[in-house]
Amino acid sequence: MARVGLTPERLTEAGAELADEVGFDEVTVSALARRFDVKVASLYSHVKNSQDLRTRIALLALAELADRAADALAGRAGKDALAALANVYRDYAREHPGRWAAAQLRLDPQTAAASAGVRHAQMTRALLRGYDLTEPDQTHAVRLLGSVFHGYVSLELGGGFSHSAPGTDVTWARIIDALDTLLRNWPSPPTDPRG
């Protein structure tokens, strides 16, 4: 019999809180059972295994991020939208490092297609329409922004920039300026010299 009050949603939320406290890699069904002071077997009526739990946390994090991004992007365009999206990712990672790590979890194609990750791509593409980018350059720009945002945030969270001046907020602002300049002046594709 399932313990009263335990649901997949409650376990997912508790798993996300645990991830923020101890790191996403440390989240297991066993660790969650200890948190609720129940036997591991009692959780298996709610989640299949640790991978299922981790996937649920990833989906929660992607949805939370998408909701924040949608709110931040509303009514913005160009550099304002770019900065808003970038700051949502950075702020979320700082507030919820375990959930941020969960949002990077590789999902199977079917789960990914049904996740809020699709909303992230749509919002980024909508932002890029303000820079008049078309395909395939829009896809290149989506990948560039994702790489810069995720790379910078990961390095910053890991303490990679804590040993030198200027401060990371100054660098972050300069990165947004540089990305805006790049997106407004996106290079033309190289021409094929063979004609």
N, C-alpha and C. Protein backbone atom coordinates (compact mmCIF):
# COMPACT_ATOMS: atom_id res chain seq x y z
N MET A 1 0.84 -1.18 0.00
CA MET A 1 0.00 0.00 0.00
C MET A 1 0.88 1.25 0.00
N ALA A 2 0.53 2.24 -0.82
CA ALA A 2 1.31 3.47 -0.91
C ALA A 2 1.11 4.32 0.34
N ARG A 3 2.17 4.96 0.76
CA ARG A 3 2.10 5.81 1.94
C ARG A 3 1.23 7.03 1.63
N VAL A 4 0.35 7.37 2.54
CA VAL A 4 -0.56 8.50 2.36
C VAL A 4 0.26 9.78 2.18
N GLY A 5 -0.13 10.56 1.19
CA GLY A 5 0.54 11.84 0.94
C GLY A 5 1.66 11.78 -0.06
N LEU A 6 2.15 10.60 -0.38
CA LEU A 6 3.21 10.49 -1.38
C LEU A 6 2.57 10.34 -2.77
N THR A 7 2.98 11.21 -3.66
CA THR A 7 2.52 11.17 -5.04
C THR A 7 3.73 11.34 -5.93
N PRO A 8 3.63 10.99 -7.20
CA PRO A 8 4.77 11.25 -8.09
C PRO A 8 5.18 12.73 -8.10
N GLU A 9 4.20 13.62 -8.06
CA GLU A 9 4.49 15.06 -8.07
C GLU A 9 5.23 15.48 -6.80
N ARG A 10 4.77 15.01 -5.67
CA ARG A 10 5.43 15.37 -4.40
C ARG A 10 6.85 14.82 -4.36
N LEU A 11 7.02 13.60 -4.84
CA LEU A 11 8.36 13.00 -4.87
C LEU A 11 9.27 13.75 -5.84
N THR A 12 8.73 14.18 -6.96
CA THR A 12 9.52 14.93 -7.93
C THR A 12 9.98 16.26 -7.34
N GLU A 13 9.06 16.96 -6.70
CA GLU A 13 9.41 18.23 -6.07
C GLU A 13 10.45 18.03 -4.97
N ALA A 14 10.26 17.00 -4.15
CA ALA A 14 11.23 16.70 -3.10
C ALA A 14 12.58 16.31 -3.70
N GLY A 15 12.55 15.57 -4.80
CA GLY A 15 13.79 15.21 -5.48
C GLY A 15 14.50 16.44 -6.03
N ALA A 16 13.72 17.41 -6.54
CA ALA A 16 14.31 18.65 -7.05
C ALA A 16 14.95 19.46 -5.91
N GLU A 17 14.26 19.49 -4.76
CA GLU A 17 14.83 20.19 -3.60
C GLU A 17 16.12 19.50 -3.15
N LEU A 18 16.09 18.17 -3.14
CA LEU A 18 17.29 17.41 -2.77
C LEU A 18 18.43 17.69 -3.74
N ALA A 19 18.11 17.76 -5.04
CA ALA A 19 19.14 18.06 -6.04
C ALA A 19 19.78 19.41 -5.78
N ASP A 20 18.97 20.40 -5.41
CA ASP A 20 19.53 21.72 -5.11
C ASP A 20 20.42 21.70 -3.87
N GLU A 21 20.10 20.82 -2.94
CA GLU A 21 20.87 20.75 -1.70
C GLU A 21 22.16 19.95 -1.84
N VAL A 22 22.10 18.79 -2.52
CA VAL A 22 23.25 17.89 -2.52
C VAL A 22 23.84 17.65 -3.91
N GLY A 23 23.18 18.15 -4.94
CA GLY A 23 23.64 17.93 -6.31
C GLY A 23 22.79 16.89 -7.02
N PHE A 24 22.53 17.12 -8.27
CA PHE A 24 21.65 16.25 -9.05
C PHE A 24 22.18 14.83 -9.14
N ASP A 25 23.49 14.68 -9.21
CA ASP A 25 24.07 13.34 -9.33
C ASP A 25 23.83 12.49 -8.09
N GLU A 26 23.52 13.10 -6.97
CA GLU A 26 23.30 12.37 -5.72
C GLU A 26 21.84 11.98 -5.51
N VAL A 27 20.97 12.37 -6.41
CA VAL A 27 19.54 12.08 -6.24
C VAL A 27 19.24 10.66 -6.71
N THR A 28 18.75 9.84 -5.78
CA THR A 28 18.35 8.47 -6.06
C THR A 28 17.05 8.20 -5.31
N VAL A 29 16.39 7.11 -5.68
CA VAL A 29 15.19 6.71 -4.95
C VAL A 29 15.56 6.42 -3.49
N SER A 30 16.71 5.81 -3.25
CA SER A 30 17.14 5.53 -1.87
C SER A 30 17.32 6.81 -1.07
N ALA A 31 17.95 7.81 -1.66
CA ALA A 31 18.14 9.08 -0.95
C ALA A 31 16.80 9.74 -0.65
N LEU A 32 15.88 9.64 -1.60
CA LEU A 32 14.55 10.22 -1.39
C LEU A 32 13.78 9.46 -0.30
N ALA A 33 13.93 8.15 -0.27
CA ALA A 33 13.27 7.35 0.77
C ALA A 33 13.78 7.76 2.15
N ARG A 34 15.08 8.00 2.25
CA ARG A 34 15.65 8.46 3.54
C ARG A 34 15.06 9.81 3.92
N ARG A 35 14.86 10.66 2.95
CA ARG A 35 14.30 12.00 3.21
C ARG A 35 12.89 11.89 3.79
N PHE A 36 12.11 10.95 3.30
CA PHE A 36 10.74 10.77 3.77
C PHE A 36 10.64 9.76 4.91
N ASP A 37 11.78 9.16 5.26
CA ASP A 37 11.82 8.15 6.32
C ASP A 37 10.85 7.01 6.02
N VAL A 38 10.98 6.52 4.78
CA VAL A 38 10.17 5.36 4.36
C VAL A 38 11.10 4.34 3.72
N LYS A 39 10.58 3.15 3.53
CA LYS A 39 11.35 2.11 2.84
C LYS A 39 11.37 2.41 1.34
N VAL A 40 12.48 2.09 0.72
CA VAL A 40 12.65 2.34 -0.71
C VAL A 40 11.50 1.72 -1.50
N ALA A 41 11.12 0.52 -1.14
CA ALA A 41 10.07 -0.19 -1.88
C ALA A 41 8.76 0.59 -1.92
N SER A 42 8.50 1.41 -0.90
CA SER A 42 7.24 2.16 -0.87
C SER A 42 7.19 3.26 -1.92
N LEU A 43 8.35 3.65 -2.45
CA LEU A 43 8.37 4.70 -3.48
C LEU A 43 8.16 4.14 -4.87
N TYR A 44 8.36 2.85 -5.04
CA TYR A 44 8.28 2.26 -6.36
C TYR A 44 6.85 2.20 -6.91
N SER A 45 5.86 2.50 -6.11
CA SER A 45 4.51 2.61 -6.64
C SER A 45 4.28 3.99 -7.25
N HIS A 46 5.26 4.89 -7.07
CA HIS A 46 5.15 6.25 -7.59
C HIS A 46 6.16 6.56 -8.68
N VAL A 47 7.36 6.00 -8.56
CA VAL A 47 8.41 6.18 -9.58
C VAL A 47 9.00 4.81 -9.88
N LYS A 48 9.40 4.60 -11.13
CA LYS A 48 9.90 3.28 -11.55
C LYS A 48 11.26 2.96 -10.95
N ASN A 49 12.15 3.97 -10.97
CA ASN A 49 13.52 3.78 -10.53
C ASN A 49 14.19 5.15 -10.44
N SER A 50 15.47 5.16 -10.14
CA SER A 50 16.18 6.45 -10.01
C SER A 50 16.21 7.21 -11.33
N GLN A 51 16.34 6.51 -12.44
CA GLN A 51 16.35 7.20 -13.73
C GLN A 51 15.01 7.87 -14.01
N ASP A 52 13.93 7.21 -13.68
CA ASP A 52 12.60 7.80 -13.83
C ASP A 52 12.48 9.05 -12.97
N LEU A 53 12.95 8.98 -11.72
CA LEU A 53 12.93 10.13 -10.83
C LEU A 53 13.75 11.28 -11.41
N ARG A 54 14.93 10.97 -11.89
CA ARG A 54 15.80 12.01 -12.47
C ARG A 54 15.16 12.64 -13.70
N THR A 55 14.51 11.84 -14.51
CA THR A 55 13.82 12.37 -15.69
C THR A 55 12.68 13.29 -15.28
N ARG A 56 11.94 12.89 -14.27
CA ARG A 56 10.85 13.73 -13.78
C ARG A 56 11.37 15.08 -13.25
N ILE A 57 12.51 15.05 -12.57
CA ILE A 57 13.10 16.29 -12.07
C ILE A 57 13.55 17.16 -13.25
N ALA A 58 14.13 16.54 -14.26
CA ALA A 58 14.54 17.29 -15.46
C ALA A 58 13.35 17.95 -16.12
N LEU A 59 12.25 17.24 -16.24
CA LEU A 59 11.05 17.80 -16.86
C LEU A 59 10.49 18.94 -16.03
N LEU A 60 10.52 18.80 -14.71
CA LEU A 60 10.08 19.88 -13.83
C LEU A 60 10.95 21.12 -14.03
N ALA A 61 12.25 20.93 -14.05
CA ALA A 61 13.18 22.06 -14.22
C ALA A 61 12.97 22.74 -15.56
N LEU A 62 12.83 21.97 -16.63
CA LEU A 62 12.60 22.56 -17.94
C LEU A 62 11.30 23.37 -17.96
N ALA A 63 10.26 22.86 -17.32
CA ALA A 63 8.99 23.58 -17.28
C ALA A 63 9.11 24.86 -16.45
N GLU A 64 9.78 24.79 -15.30
CA GLU A 64 9.96 26.00 -14.49
C GLU A 64 10.75 27.05 -15.26
N LEU A 65 11.81 26.63 -15.92
CA LEU A 65 12.62 27.56 -16.72
C LEU A 65 11.79 28.18 -17.85
N ALA A 66 11.01 27.36 -18.53
CA ALA A 66 10.20 27.86 -19.65
C ALA A 66 9.17 28.88 -19.16
N ASP A 67 8.56 28.61 -18.02
CA ASP A 67 7.59 29.56 -17.47
C ASP A 67 8.26 30.89 -17.13
N ARG A 68 9.42 30.81 -16.50
CA ARG A 68 10.16 32.04 -16.16
C ARG A 68 10.57 32.79 -17.42
N ALA A 69 11.04 32.06 -18.42
CA ALA A 69 11.48 32.70 -19.65
C ALA A 69 10.32 33.37 -20.36
N ALA A 70 9.17 32.70 -20.42
CA ALA A 70 7.99 33.28 -21.08
C ALA A 70 7.59 34.59 -20.40
N ASP A 71 7.59 34.59 -19.07
CA ASP A 71 7.26 35.82 -18.33
C ASP A 71 8.27 36.92 -18.61
N ALA A 72 9.54 36.56 -18.63
CA ALA A 72 10.60 37.57 -18.83
C ALA A 72 10.61 38.12 -20.25
N LEU A 73 10.25 37.31 -21.22
CA LEU A 73 10.29 37.73 -22.62
C LEU A 73 9.06 38.52 -23.06
N ALA A 74 7.99 38.43 -22.32
CA ALA A 74 6.74 39.09 -22.73
C ALA A 74 6.96 40.57 -22.99
N GLY A 75 6.64 40.99 -24.20
CA GLY A 75 6.73 42.40 -24.58
C GLY A 75 8.12 42.90 -24.88
N ARG A 76 9.10 42.02 -24.96
CA ARG A 76 10.48 42.44 -25.21
C ARG A 76 10.94 41.98 -26.58
N ALA A 77 11.90 42.70 -27.12
CA ALA A 77 12.49 42.32 -28.41
C ALA A 77 13.95 42.75 -28.41
N GLY A 78 14.68 42.23 -29.39
CA GLY A 78 16.07 42.62 -29.57
C GLY A 78 16.93 42.33 -28.35
N LYS A 79 17.79 43.31 -28.04
CA LYS A 79 18.73 43.12 -26.94
C LYS A 79 18.02 42.95 -25.60
N ASP A 80 16.89 43.63 -25.40
CA ASP A 80 16.13 43.47 -24.15
C ASP A 80 15.69 42.02 -23.97
N ALA A 81 15.21 41.41 -25.04
CA ALA A 81 14.77 40.02 -24.98
C ALA A 81 15.96 39.09 -24.76
N LEU A 82 17.04 39.37 -25.45
CA LEU A 82 18.26 38.56 -25.31
C LEU A 82 18.74 38.58 -23.86
N ALA A 83 18.82 39.77 -23.27
CA ALA A 83 19.27 39.89 -21.88
C ALA A 83 18.29 39.22 -20.92
N ALA A 84 17.00 39.36 -21.19
CA ALA A 84 16.00 38.74 -20.32
C ALA A 84 16.14 37.23 -20.32
N LEU A 85 16.27 36.64 -21.49
CA LEU A 85 16.41 35.19 -21.57
C LEU A 85 17.70 34.73 -20.89
N ALA A 86 18.78 35.40 -21.18
CA ALA A 86 20.07 35.04 -20.58
C ALA A 86 20.00 35.12 -19.06
N ASN A 87 19.38 36.17 -18.55
CA ASN A 87 19.31 36.35 -17.10
C ASN A 87 18.40 35.32 -16.44
N VAL A 88 17.35 34.89 -17.13
CA VAL A 88 16.50 33.83 -16.58
C VAL A 88 17.34 32.58 -16.35
N TYR A 89 18.12 32.19 -17.34
CA TYR A 89 18.94 30.98 -17.20
C TYR A 89 19.96 31.14 -16.08
N ARG A 90 20.63 32.26 -16.07
CA ARG A 90 21.68 32.47 -15.05
C ARG A 90 21.08 32.53 -13.65
N ASP A 91 20.00 33.26 -13.49
CA ASP A 91 19.39 33.39 -12.17
C ASP A 91 18.85 32.04 -11.68
N TYR A 92 18.21 31.30 -12.58
CA TYR A 92 17.68 30.00 -12.19
C TYR A 92 18.80 29.06 -11.74
N ALA A 93 19.89 29.07 -12.48
CA ALA A 93 21.03 28.22 -12.13
C ALA A 93 21.61 28.59 -10.77
N ARG A 94 21.65 29.87 -10.48
CA ARG A 94 22.18 30.30 -9.18
C ARG A 94 21.23 29.92 -8.04
N GLU A 95 19.93 30.06 -8.27
CA GLU A 95 18.93 29.74 -7.25
C GLU A 95 18.74 28.23 -7.08
N HIS A 96 18.84 27.50 -8.17
CA HIS A 96 18.54 26.07 -8.17
C HIS A 96 19.61 25.28 -8.92
N PRO A 97 20.81 25.18 -8.36
CA PRO A 97 21.89 24.51 -9.09
C PRO A 97 21.60 23.04 -9.43
N GLY A 98 20.90 22.34 -8.56
CA GLY A 98 20.57 20.95 -8.84
C GLY A 98 19.55 20.82 -9.95
N ARG A 99 18.55 21.67 -9.93
CA ARG A 99 17.54 21.66 -10.99
C ARG A 99 18.18 22.09 -12.32
N TRP A 100 19.08 23.05 -12.26
CA TRP A 100 19.79 23.48 -13.46
C TRP A 100 20.52 22.30 -14.08
N ALA A 101 21.22 21.55 -13.25
CA ALA A 101 21.92 20.36 -13.74
C ALA A 101 20.92 19.36 -14.31
N ALA A 102 19.77 19.22 -13.67
CA ALA A 102 18.75 18.30 -14.15
C ALA A 102 18.24 18.71 -15.53
N ALA A 103 18.12 19.99 -15.75
CA ALA A 103 17.62 20.49 -17.04
C ALA A 103 18.56 20.13 -18.19
N GLN A 104 19.80 19.76 -17.87
CA GLN A 104 20.77 19.39 -18.90
C GLN A 104 20.74 17.88 -19.19
N LEU A 105 19.92 17.14 -18.45
CA LEU A 105 19.85 15.69 -18.63
C LEU A 105 19.41 15.35 -20.05
N ARG A 106 20.14 14.44 -20.66
CA ARG A 106 19.76 14.00 -22.00
C ARG A 106 18.51 13.13 -21.90
N LEU A 107 17.48 13.53 -22.62
CA LEU A 107 16.20 12.82 -22.61
C LEU A 107 16.07 12.01 -23.89
N ASP A 108 15.31 10.92 -23.81
CA ASP A 108 15.07 10.17 -25.03
C ASP A 108 14.22 11.05 -25.97
N PRO A 109 14.28 10.81 -27.28
CA PRO A 109 13.60 11.70 -28.24
C PRO A 109 12.11 11.91 -27.96
N GLN A 110 11.40 10.88 -27.58
CA GLN A 110 9.96 11.01 -27.33
C GLN A 110 9.69 11.89 -26.11
N THR A 111 10.45 11.69 -25.04
CA THR A 111 10.28 12.50 -23.84
C THR A 111 10.69 13.94 -24.11
N ALA A 112 11.78 14.13 -24.83
CA ALA A 112 12.23 15.48 -25.17
C ALA A 112 11.19 16.23 -25.99
N ALA A 113 10.59 15.54 -26.94
CA ALA A 113 9.59 16.17 -27.81
C ALA A 113 8.35 16.61 -27.04
N ALA A 114 8.06 15.93 -25.94
CA ALA A 114 6.88 16.27 -25.13
C ALA A 114 7.22 17.19 -23.97
N SER A 115 8.48 17.57 -23.85
CA SER A 115 8.92 18.38 -22.71
C SER A 115 8.84 19.87 -23.00
N ALA A 116 9.09 20.67 -21.97
CA ALA A 116 9.13 22.12 -22.13
C ALA A 116 10.38 22.57 -22.87
N GLY A 117 11.30 21.64 -23.16
CA GLY A 117 12.46 21.99 -23.98
C GLY A 117 12.04 22.55 -25.33
N VAL A 118 10.93 22.07 -25.85
CA VAL A 118 10.39 22.58 -27.12
C VAL A 118 10.03 24.05 -26.97
N ARG A 119 9.45 24.43 -25.83
CA ARG A 119 9.12 25.84 -25.60
C ARG A 119 10.37 26.71 -25.57
N HIS A 120 11.45 26.18 -24.98
CA HIS A 120 12.71 26.94 -24.94
C HIS A 120 13.18 27.25 -26.36
N ALA A 121 13.17 26.23 -27.21
CA ALA A 121 13.60 26.43 -28.59
C ALA A 121 12.69 27.43 -29.30
N GLN A 122 11.39 27.33 -29.08
CA GLN A 122 10.45 28.25 -29.73
C GLN A 122 10.68 29.69 -29.26
N MET A 123 10.91 29.87 -27.96
CA MET A 123 11.14 31.22 -27.45
C MET A 123 12.45 31.79 -27.98
N THR A 124 13.47 30.96 -28.07
CA THR A 124 14.75 31.44 -28.59
C THR A 124 14.60 31.82 -30.06
N ARG A 125 13.89 31.01 -30.83
CA ARG A 125 13.66 31.33 -32.23
C ARG A 125 12.83 32.61 -32.38
N ALA A 126 11.85 32.81 -31.52
CA ALA A 126 11.06 34.04 -31.55
C ALA A 126 11.95 35.25 -31.26
N LEU A 127 12.82 35.11 -30.29
CA LEU A 127 13.78 36.18 -29.97
C LEU A 127 14.64 36.50 -31.19
N LEU A 128 15.08 35.46 -31.89
CA LEU A 128 15.98 35.66 -33.04
C LEU A 128 15.28 36.28 -34.24
N ARG A 129 13.96 36.18 -34.31
CA ARG A 129 13.25 36.85 -35.41
C ARG A 129 13.46 38.36 -35.33
N GLY A 130 13.67 38.87 -34.13
CA GLY A 130 13.97 40.28 -33.96
C GLY A 130 15.31 40.69 -34.55
N TYR A 131 16.14 39.71 -34.83
CA TYR A 131 17.45 39.96 -35.45
C TYR A 131 17.43 39.62 -36.94
N ASP A 132 16.27 39.28 -37.46
CA ASP A 132 16.08 39.02 -38.89
C ASP A 132 16.95 37.86 -39.39
N LEU A 133 17.07 36.82 -38.58
CA LEU A 133 17.82 35.64 -39.00
C LEU A 133 16.86 34.61 -39.59
N THR A 134 17.28 33.99 -40.66
CA THR A 134 16.51 32.93 -41.29
C THR A 134 17.31 31.64 -41.21
N GLU A 135 16.69 30.55 -41.60
CA GLU A 135 17.37 29.26 -41.59
C GLU A 135 18.40 29.18 -42.71
N PRO A 136 19.50 28.51 -42.52
CA PRO A 136 19.90 27.72 -41.35
C PRO A 136 20.59 28.55 -40.27
N ASP A 137 20.76 29.87 -40.52
CA ASP A 137 21.47 30.70 -39.55
C ASP A 137 20.75 30.77 -38.21
N GLN A 138 19.42 30.69 -38.23
CA GLN A 138 18.68 30.71 -36.97
C GLN A 138 19.07 29.51 -36.10
N THR A 139 19.19 28.35 -36.70
CA THR A 139 19.61 27.16 -35.94
C THR A 139 21.02 27.34 -35.40
N HIS A 140 21.92 27.90 -36.21
CA HIS A 140 23.28 28.15 -35.74
C HIS A 140 23.26 29.10 -34.54
N ALA A 141 22.41 30.13 -34.61
CA ALA A 141 22.34 31.11 -33.53
C ALA A 141 21.73 30.51 -32.27
N VAL A 142 20.71 29.64 -32.41
CA VAL A 142 20.14 28.96 -31.25
C VAL A 142 21.23 28.17 -30.54
N ARG A 143 22.02 27.46 -31.31
CA ARG A 143 23.10 26.65 -30.73
C ARG A 143 24.17 27.53 -30.08
N LEU A 144 24.48 28.64 -30.71
CA LEU A 144 25.46 29.56 -30.13
C LEU A 144 24.98 30.10 -28.80
N LEU A 145 23.74 30.59 -28.75
CA LEU A 145 23.23 31.15 -27.50
C LEU A 145 23.19 30.09 -26.40
N GLY A 146 22.71 28.91 -26.73
CA GLY A 146 22.67 27.83 -25.74
C GLY A 146 24.06 27.50 -25.22
N SER A 147 25.02 27.45 -26.12
CA SER A 147 26.40 27.14 -25.71
C SER A 147 26.98 28.21 -24.81
N VAL A 148 26.76 29.46 -25.16
CA VAL A 148 27.31 30.55 -24.35
C VAL A 148 26.62 30.60 -22.99
N PHE A 149 25.29 30.58 -22.97
CA PHE A 149 24.58 30.67 -21.69
C PHE A 149 24.93 29.50 -20.78
N HIS A 150 24.82 28.30 -21.31
CA HIS A 150 25.07 27.12 -20.48
C HIS A 150 26.54 27.02 -20.08
N GLY A 151 27.43 27.33 -21.00
CA GLY A 151 28.86 27.26 -20.70
C GLY A 151 29.27 28.25 -19.64
N TYR A 152 28.85 29.50 -19.80
CA TYR A 152 29.22 30.53 -18.83
C TYR A 152 28.68 30.20 -17.45
N VAL A 153 27.38 29.86 -17.41
CA VAL A 153 26.75 29.57 -16.13
C VAL A 153 27.43 28.38 -15.45
N SER A 154 27.74 27.34 -16.20
CA SER A 154 28.39 26.17 -15.62
C SER A 154 29.77 26.51 -15.06
N LEU A 155 30.52 27.27 -15.81
CA LEU A 155 31.85 27.69 -15.32
C LEU A 155 31.74 28.60 -14.11
N GLU A 156 30.78 29.50 -14.14
CA GLU A 156 30.60 30.40 -13.01
C GLU A 156 30.18 29.63 -11.75
N LEU A 157 29.23 28.70 -11.90
CA LEU A 157 28.79 27.91 -10.75
C LEU A 157 29.92 27.07 -10.18
N GLY A 158 30.81 26.63 -11.05
CA GLY A 158 31.94 25.82 -10.62
C GLY A 158 33.09 26.63 -10.04
N GLY A 159 32.94 27.95 -9.96
CA GLY A 159 33.97 28.80 -9.39
C GLY A 159 35.08 29.16 -10.36
N GLY A 160 34.86 28.89 -11.64
CA GLY A 160 35.89 29.12 -12.65
C GLY A 160 36.30 30.57 -12.84
N PHE A 161 35.45 31.50 -12.44
CA PHE A 161 35.77 32.91 -12.65
C PHE A 161 35.98 33.67 -11.33
N SER A 162 36.06 32.95 -10.24
CA SER A 162 36.09 33.61 -8.93
C SER A 162 37.46 34.12 -8.50
N HIS A 163 38.47 33.89 -9.32
CA HIS A 163 39.83 34.24 -8.90
C HIS A 163 40.41 35.44 -9.61
N SER A 164 39.58 36.15 -10.36
CA SER A 164 40.13 37.29 -11.09
C SER A 164 39.09 38.38 -11.28
N ALA A 165 39.58 39.58 -11.51
CA ALA A 165 38.74 40.73 -11.81
C ALA A 165 38.69 40.88 -13.33
N PRO A 166 37.68 41.52 -13.86
CA PRO A 166 36.52 42.12 -13.21
C PRO A 166 35.54 41.07 -12.74
N GLY A 167 34.51 41.53 -12.01
CA GLY A 167 33.50 40.62 -11.49
C GLY A 167 32.69 39.96 -12.59
N THR A 168 32.07 38.86 -12.23
CA THR A 168 31.33 38.09 -13.23
C THR A 168 30.12 38.84 -13.77
N ASP A 169 29.52 39.73 -13.00
CA ASP A 169 28.39 40.51 -13.51
C ASP A 169 28.83 41.43 -14.64
N VAL A 170 30.03 41.99 -14.51
CA VAL A 170 30.56 42.86 -15.58
C VAL A 170 30.79 42.04 -16.84
N THR A 171 31.40 40.90 -16.70
CA THR A 171 31.65 40.04 -17.86
C THR A 171 30.34 39.60 -18.49
N TRP A 172 29.36 39.22 -17.68
CA TRP A 172 28.05 38.78 -18.19
C TRP A 172 27.42 39.88 -19.04
N ALA A 173 27.45 41.11 -18.55
CA ALA A 173 26.89 42.23 -19.31
C ALA A 173 27.63 42.43 -20.64
N ARG A 174 28.94 42.27 -20.62
CA ARG A 174 29.73 42.41 -21.85
C ARG A 174 29.42 41.28 -22.84
N ILE A 175 29.18 40.10 -22.32
CA ILE A 175 28.81 38.97 -23.19
C ILE A 175 27.48 39.26 -23.88
N ILE A 176 26.51 39.78 -23.13
CA ILE A 176 25.21 40.12 -23.73
C ILE A 176 25.40 41.17 -24.81
N ASP A 177 26.22 42.19 -24.54
CA ASP A 177 26.52 43.21 -25.56
C ASP A 177 27.14 42.58 -26.80
N ALA A 178 28.10 41.70 -26.59
CA ALA A 178 28.80 41.07 -27.71
C ALA A 178 27.85 40.19 -28.52
N LEU A 179 27.00 39.43 -27.83
CA LEU A 179 26.05 38.58 -28.54
C LEU A 179 25.06 39.43 -29.35
N ASP A 180 24.60 40.52 -28.76
CA ASP A 180 23.69 41.41 -29.48
C ASP A 180 24.35 41.95 -30.74
N THR A 181 25.59 42.39 -30.62
CA THR A 181 26.33 42.90 -31.78
C THR A 181 26.49 41.82 -32.84
N LEU A 182 26.85 40.63 -32.41
CA LEU A 182 27.02 39.52 -33.35
C LEU A 182 25.71 39.20 -34.06
N LEU A 183 24.62 39.11 -33.32
CA LEU A 183 23.33 38.76 -33.92
C LEU A 183 22.85 39.84 -34.90
N ARG A 184 23.15 41.10 -34.59
CA ARG A 184 22.77 42.18 -35.51
C ARG A 184 23.65 42.22 -36.75
N ASN A 185 24.82 41.62 -36.67
CA ASN A 185 25.79 41.64 -37.78
C ASN A 185 26.19 40.21 -38.15
N TRP A 186 25.21 39.33 -38.21
CA TRP A 186 25.47 37.92 -38.48
C TRP A 186 26.19 37.77 -39.81
N PRO A 187 27.28 37.02 -39.84
CA PRO A 187 28.04 36.89 -41.09
C PRO A 187 27.26 36.11 -42.15
N SER A 188 27.50 36.50 -43.39
CA SER A 188 26.91 35.76 -44.50
C SER A 188 27.60 34.40 -44.60
N PRO A 189 26.88 33.40 -45.11
CA PRO A 189 27.53 32.10 -45.26
C PRO A 189 28.66 32.18 -46.27
N PRO A 190 29.70 31.36 -46.07
CA PRO A 190 30.80 31.40 -47.01
C PRO A 190 30.32 30.93 -48.38
N THR A 191 30.91 31.51 -49.40
CA THR A 191 30.56 31.11 -50.77
C THR A 191 31.44 29.91 -51.17
N ASP A 192 30.89 29.07 -51.96
CA ASP A 192 31.61 27.90 -52.44
C ASP A 192 32.52 28.35 -53.59
N PRO A 193 33.85 28.24 -53.42
CA PRO A 193 34.77 28.73 -54.47
C PRO A 193 34.65 27.93 -55.76
N ARG A 194 34.02 26.79 -55.71
CA ARG A 194 33.88 25.97 -56.92
C ARG A 194 32.72 26.42 -57.79
N GLY A 195 31.96 27.41 -57.23
CA GLY A 195 30.85 27.97 -58.00
C GLY A 195 29.64 27.23 -57.75
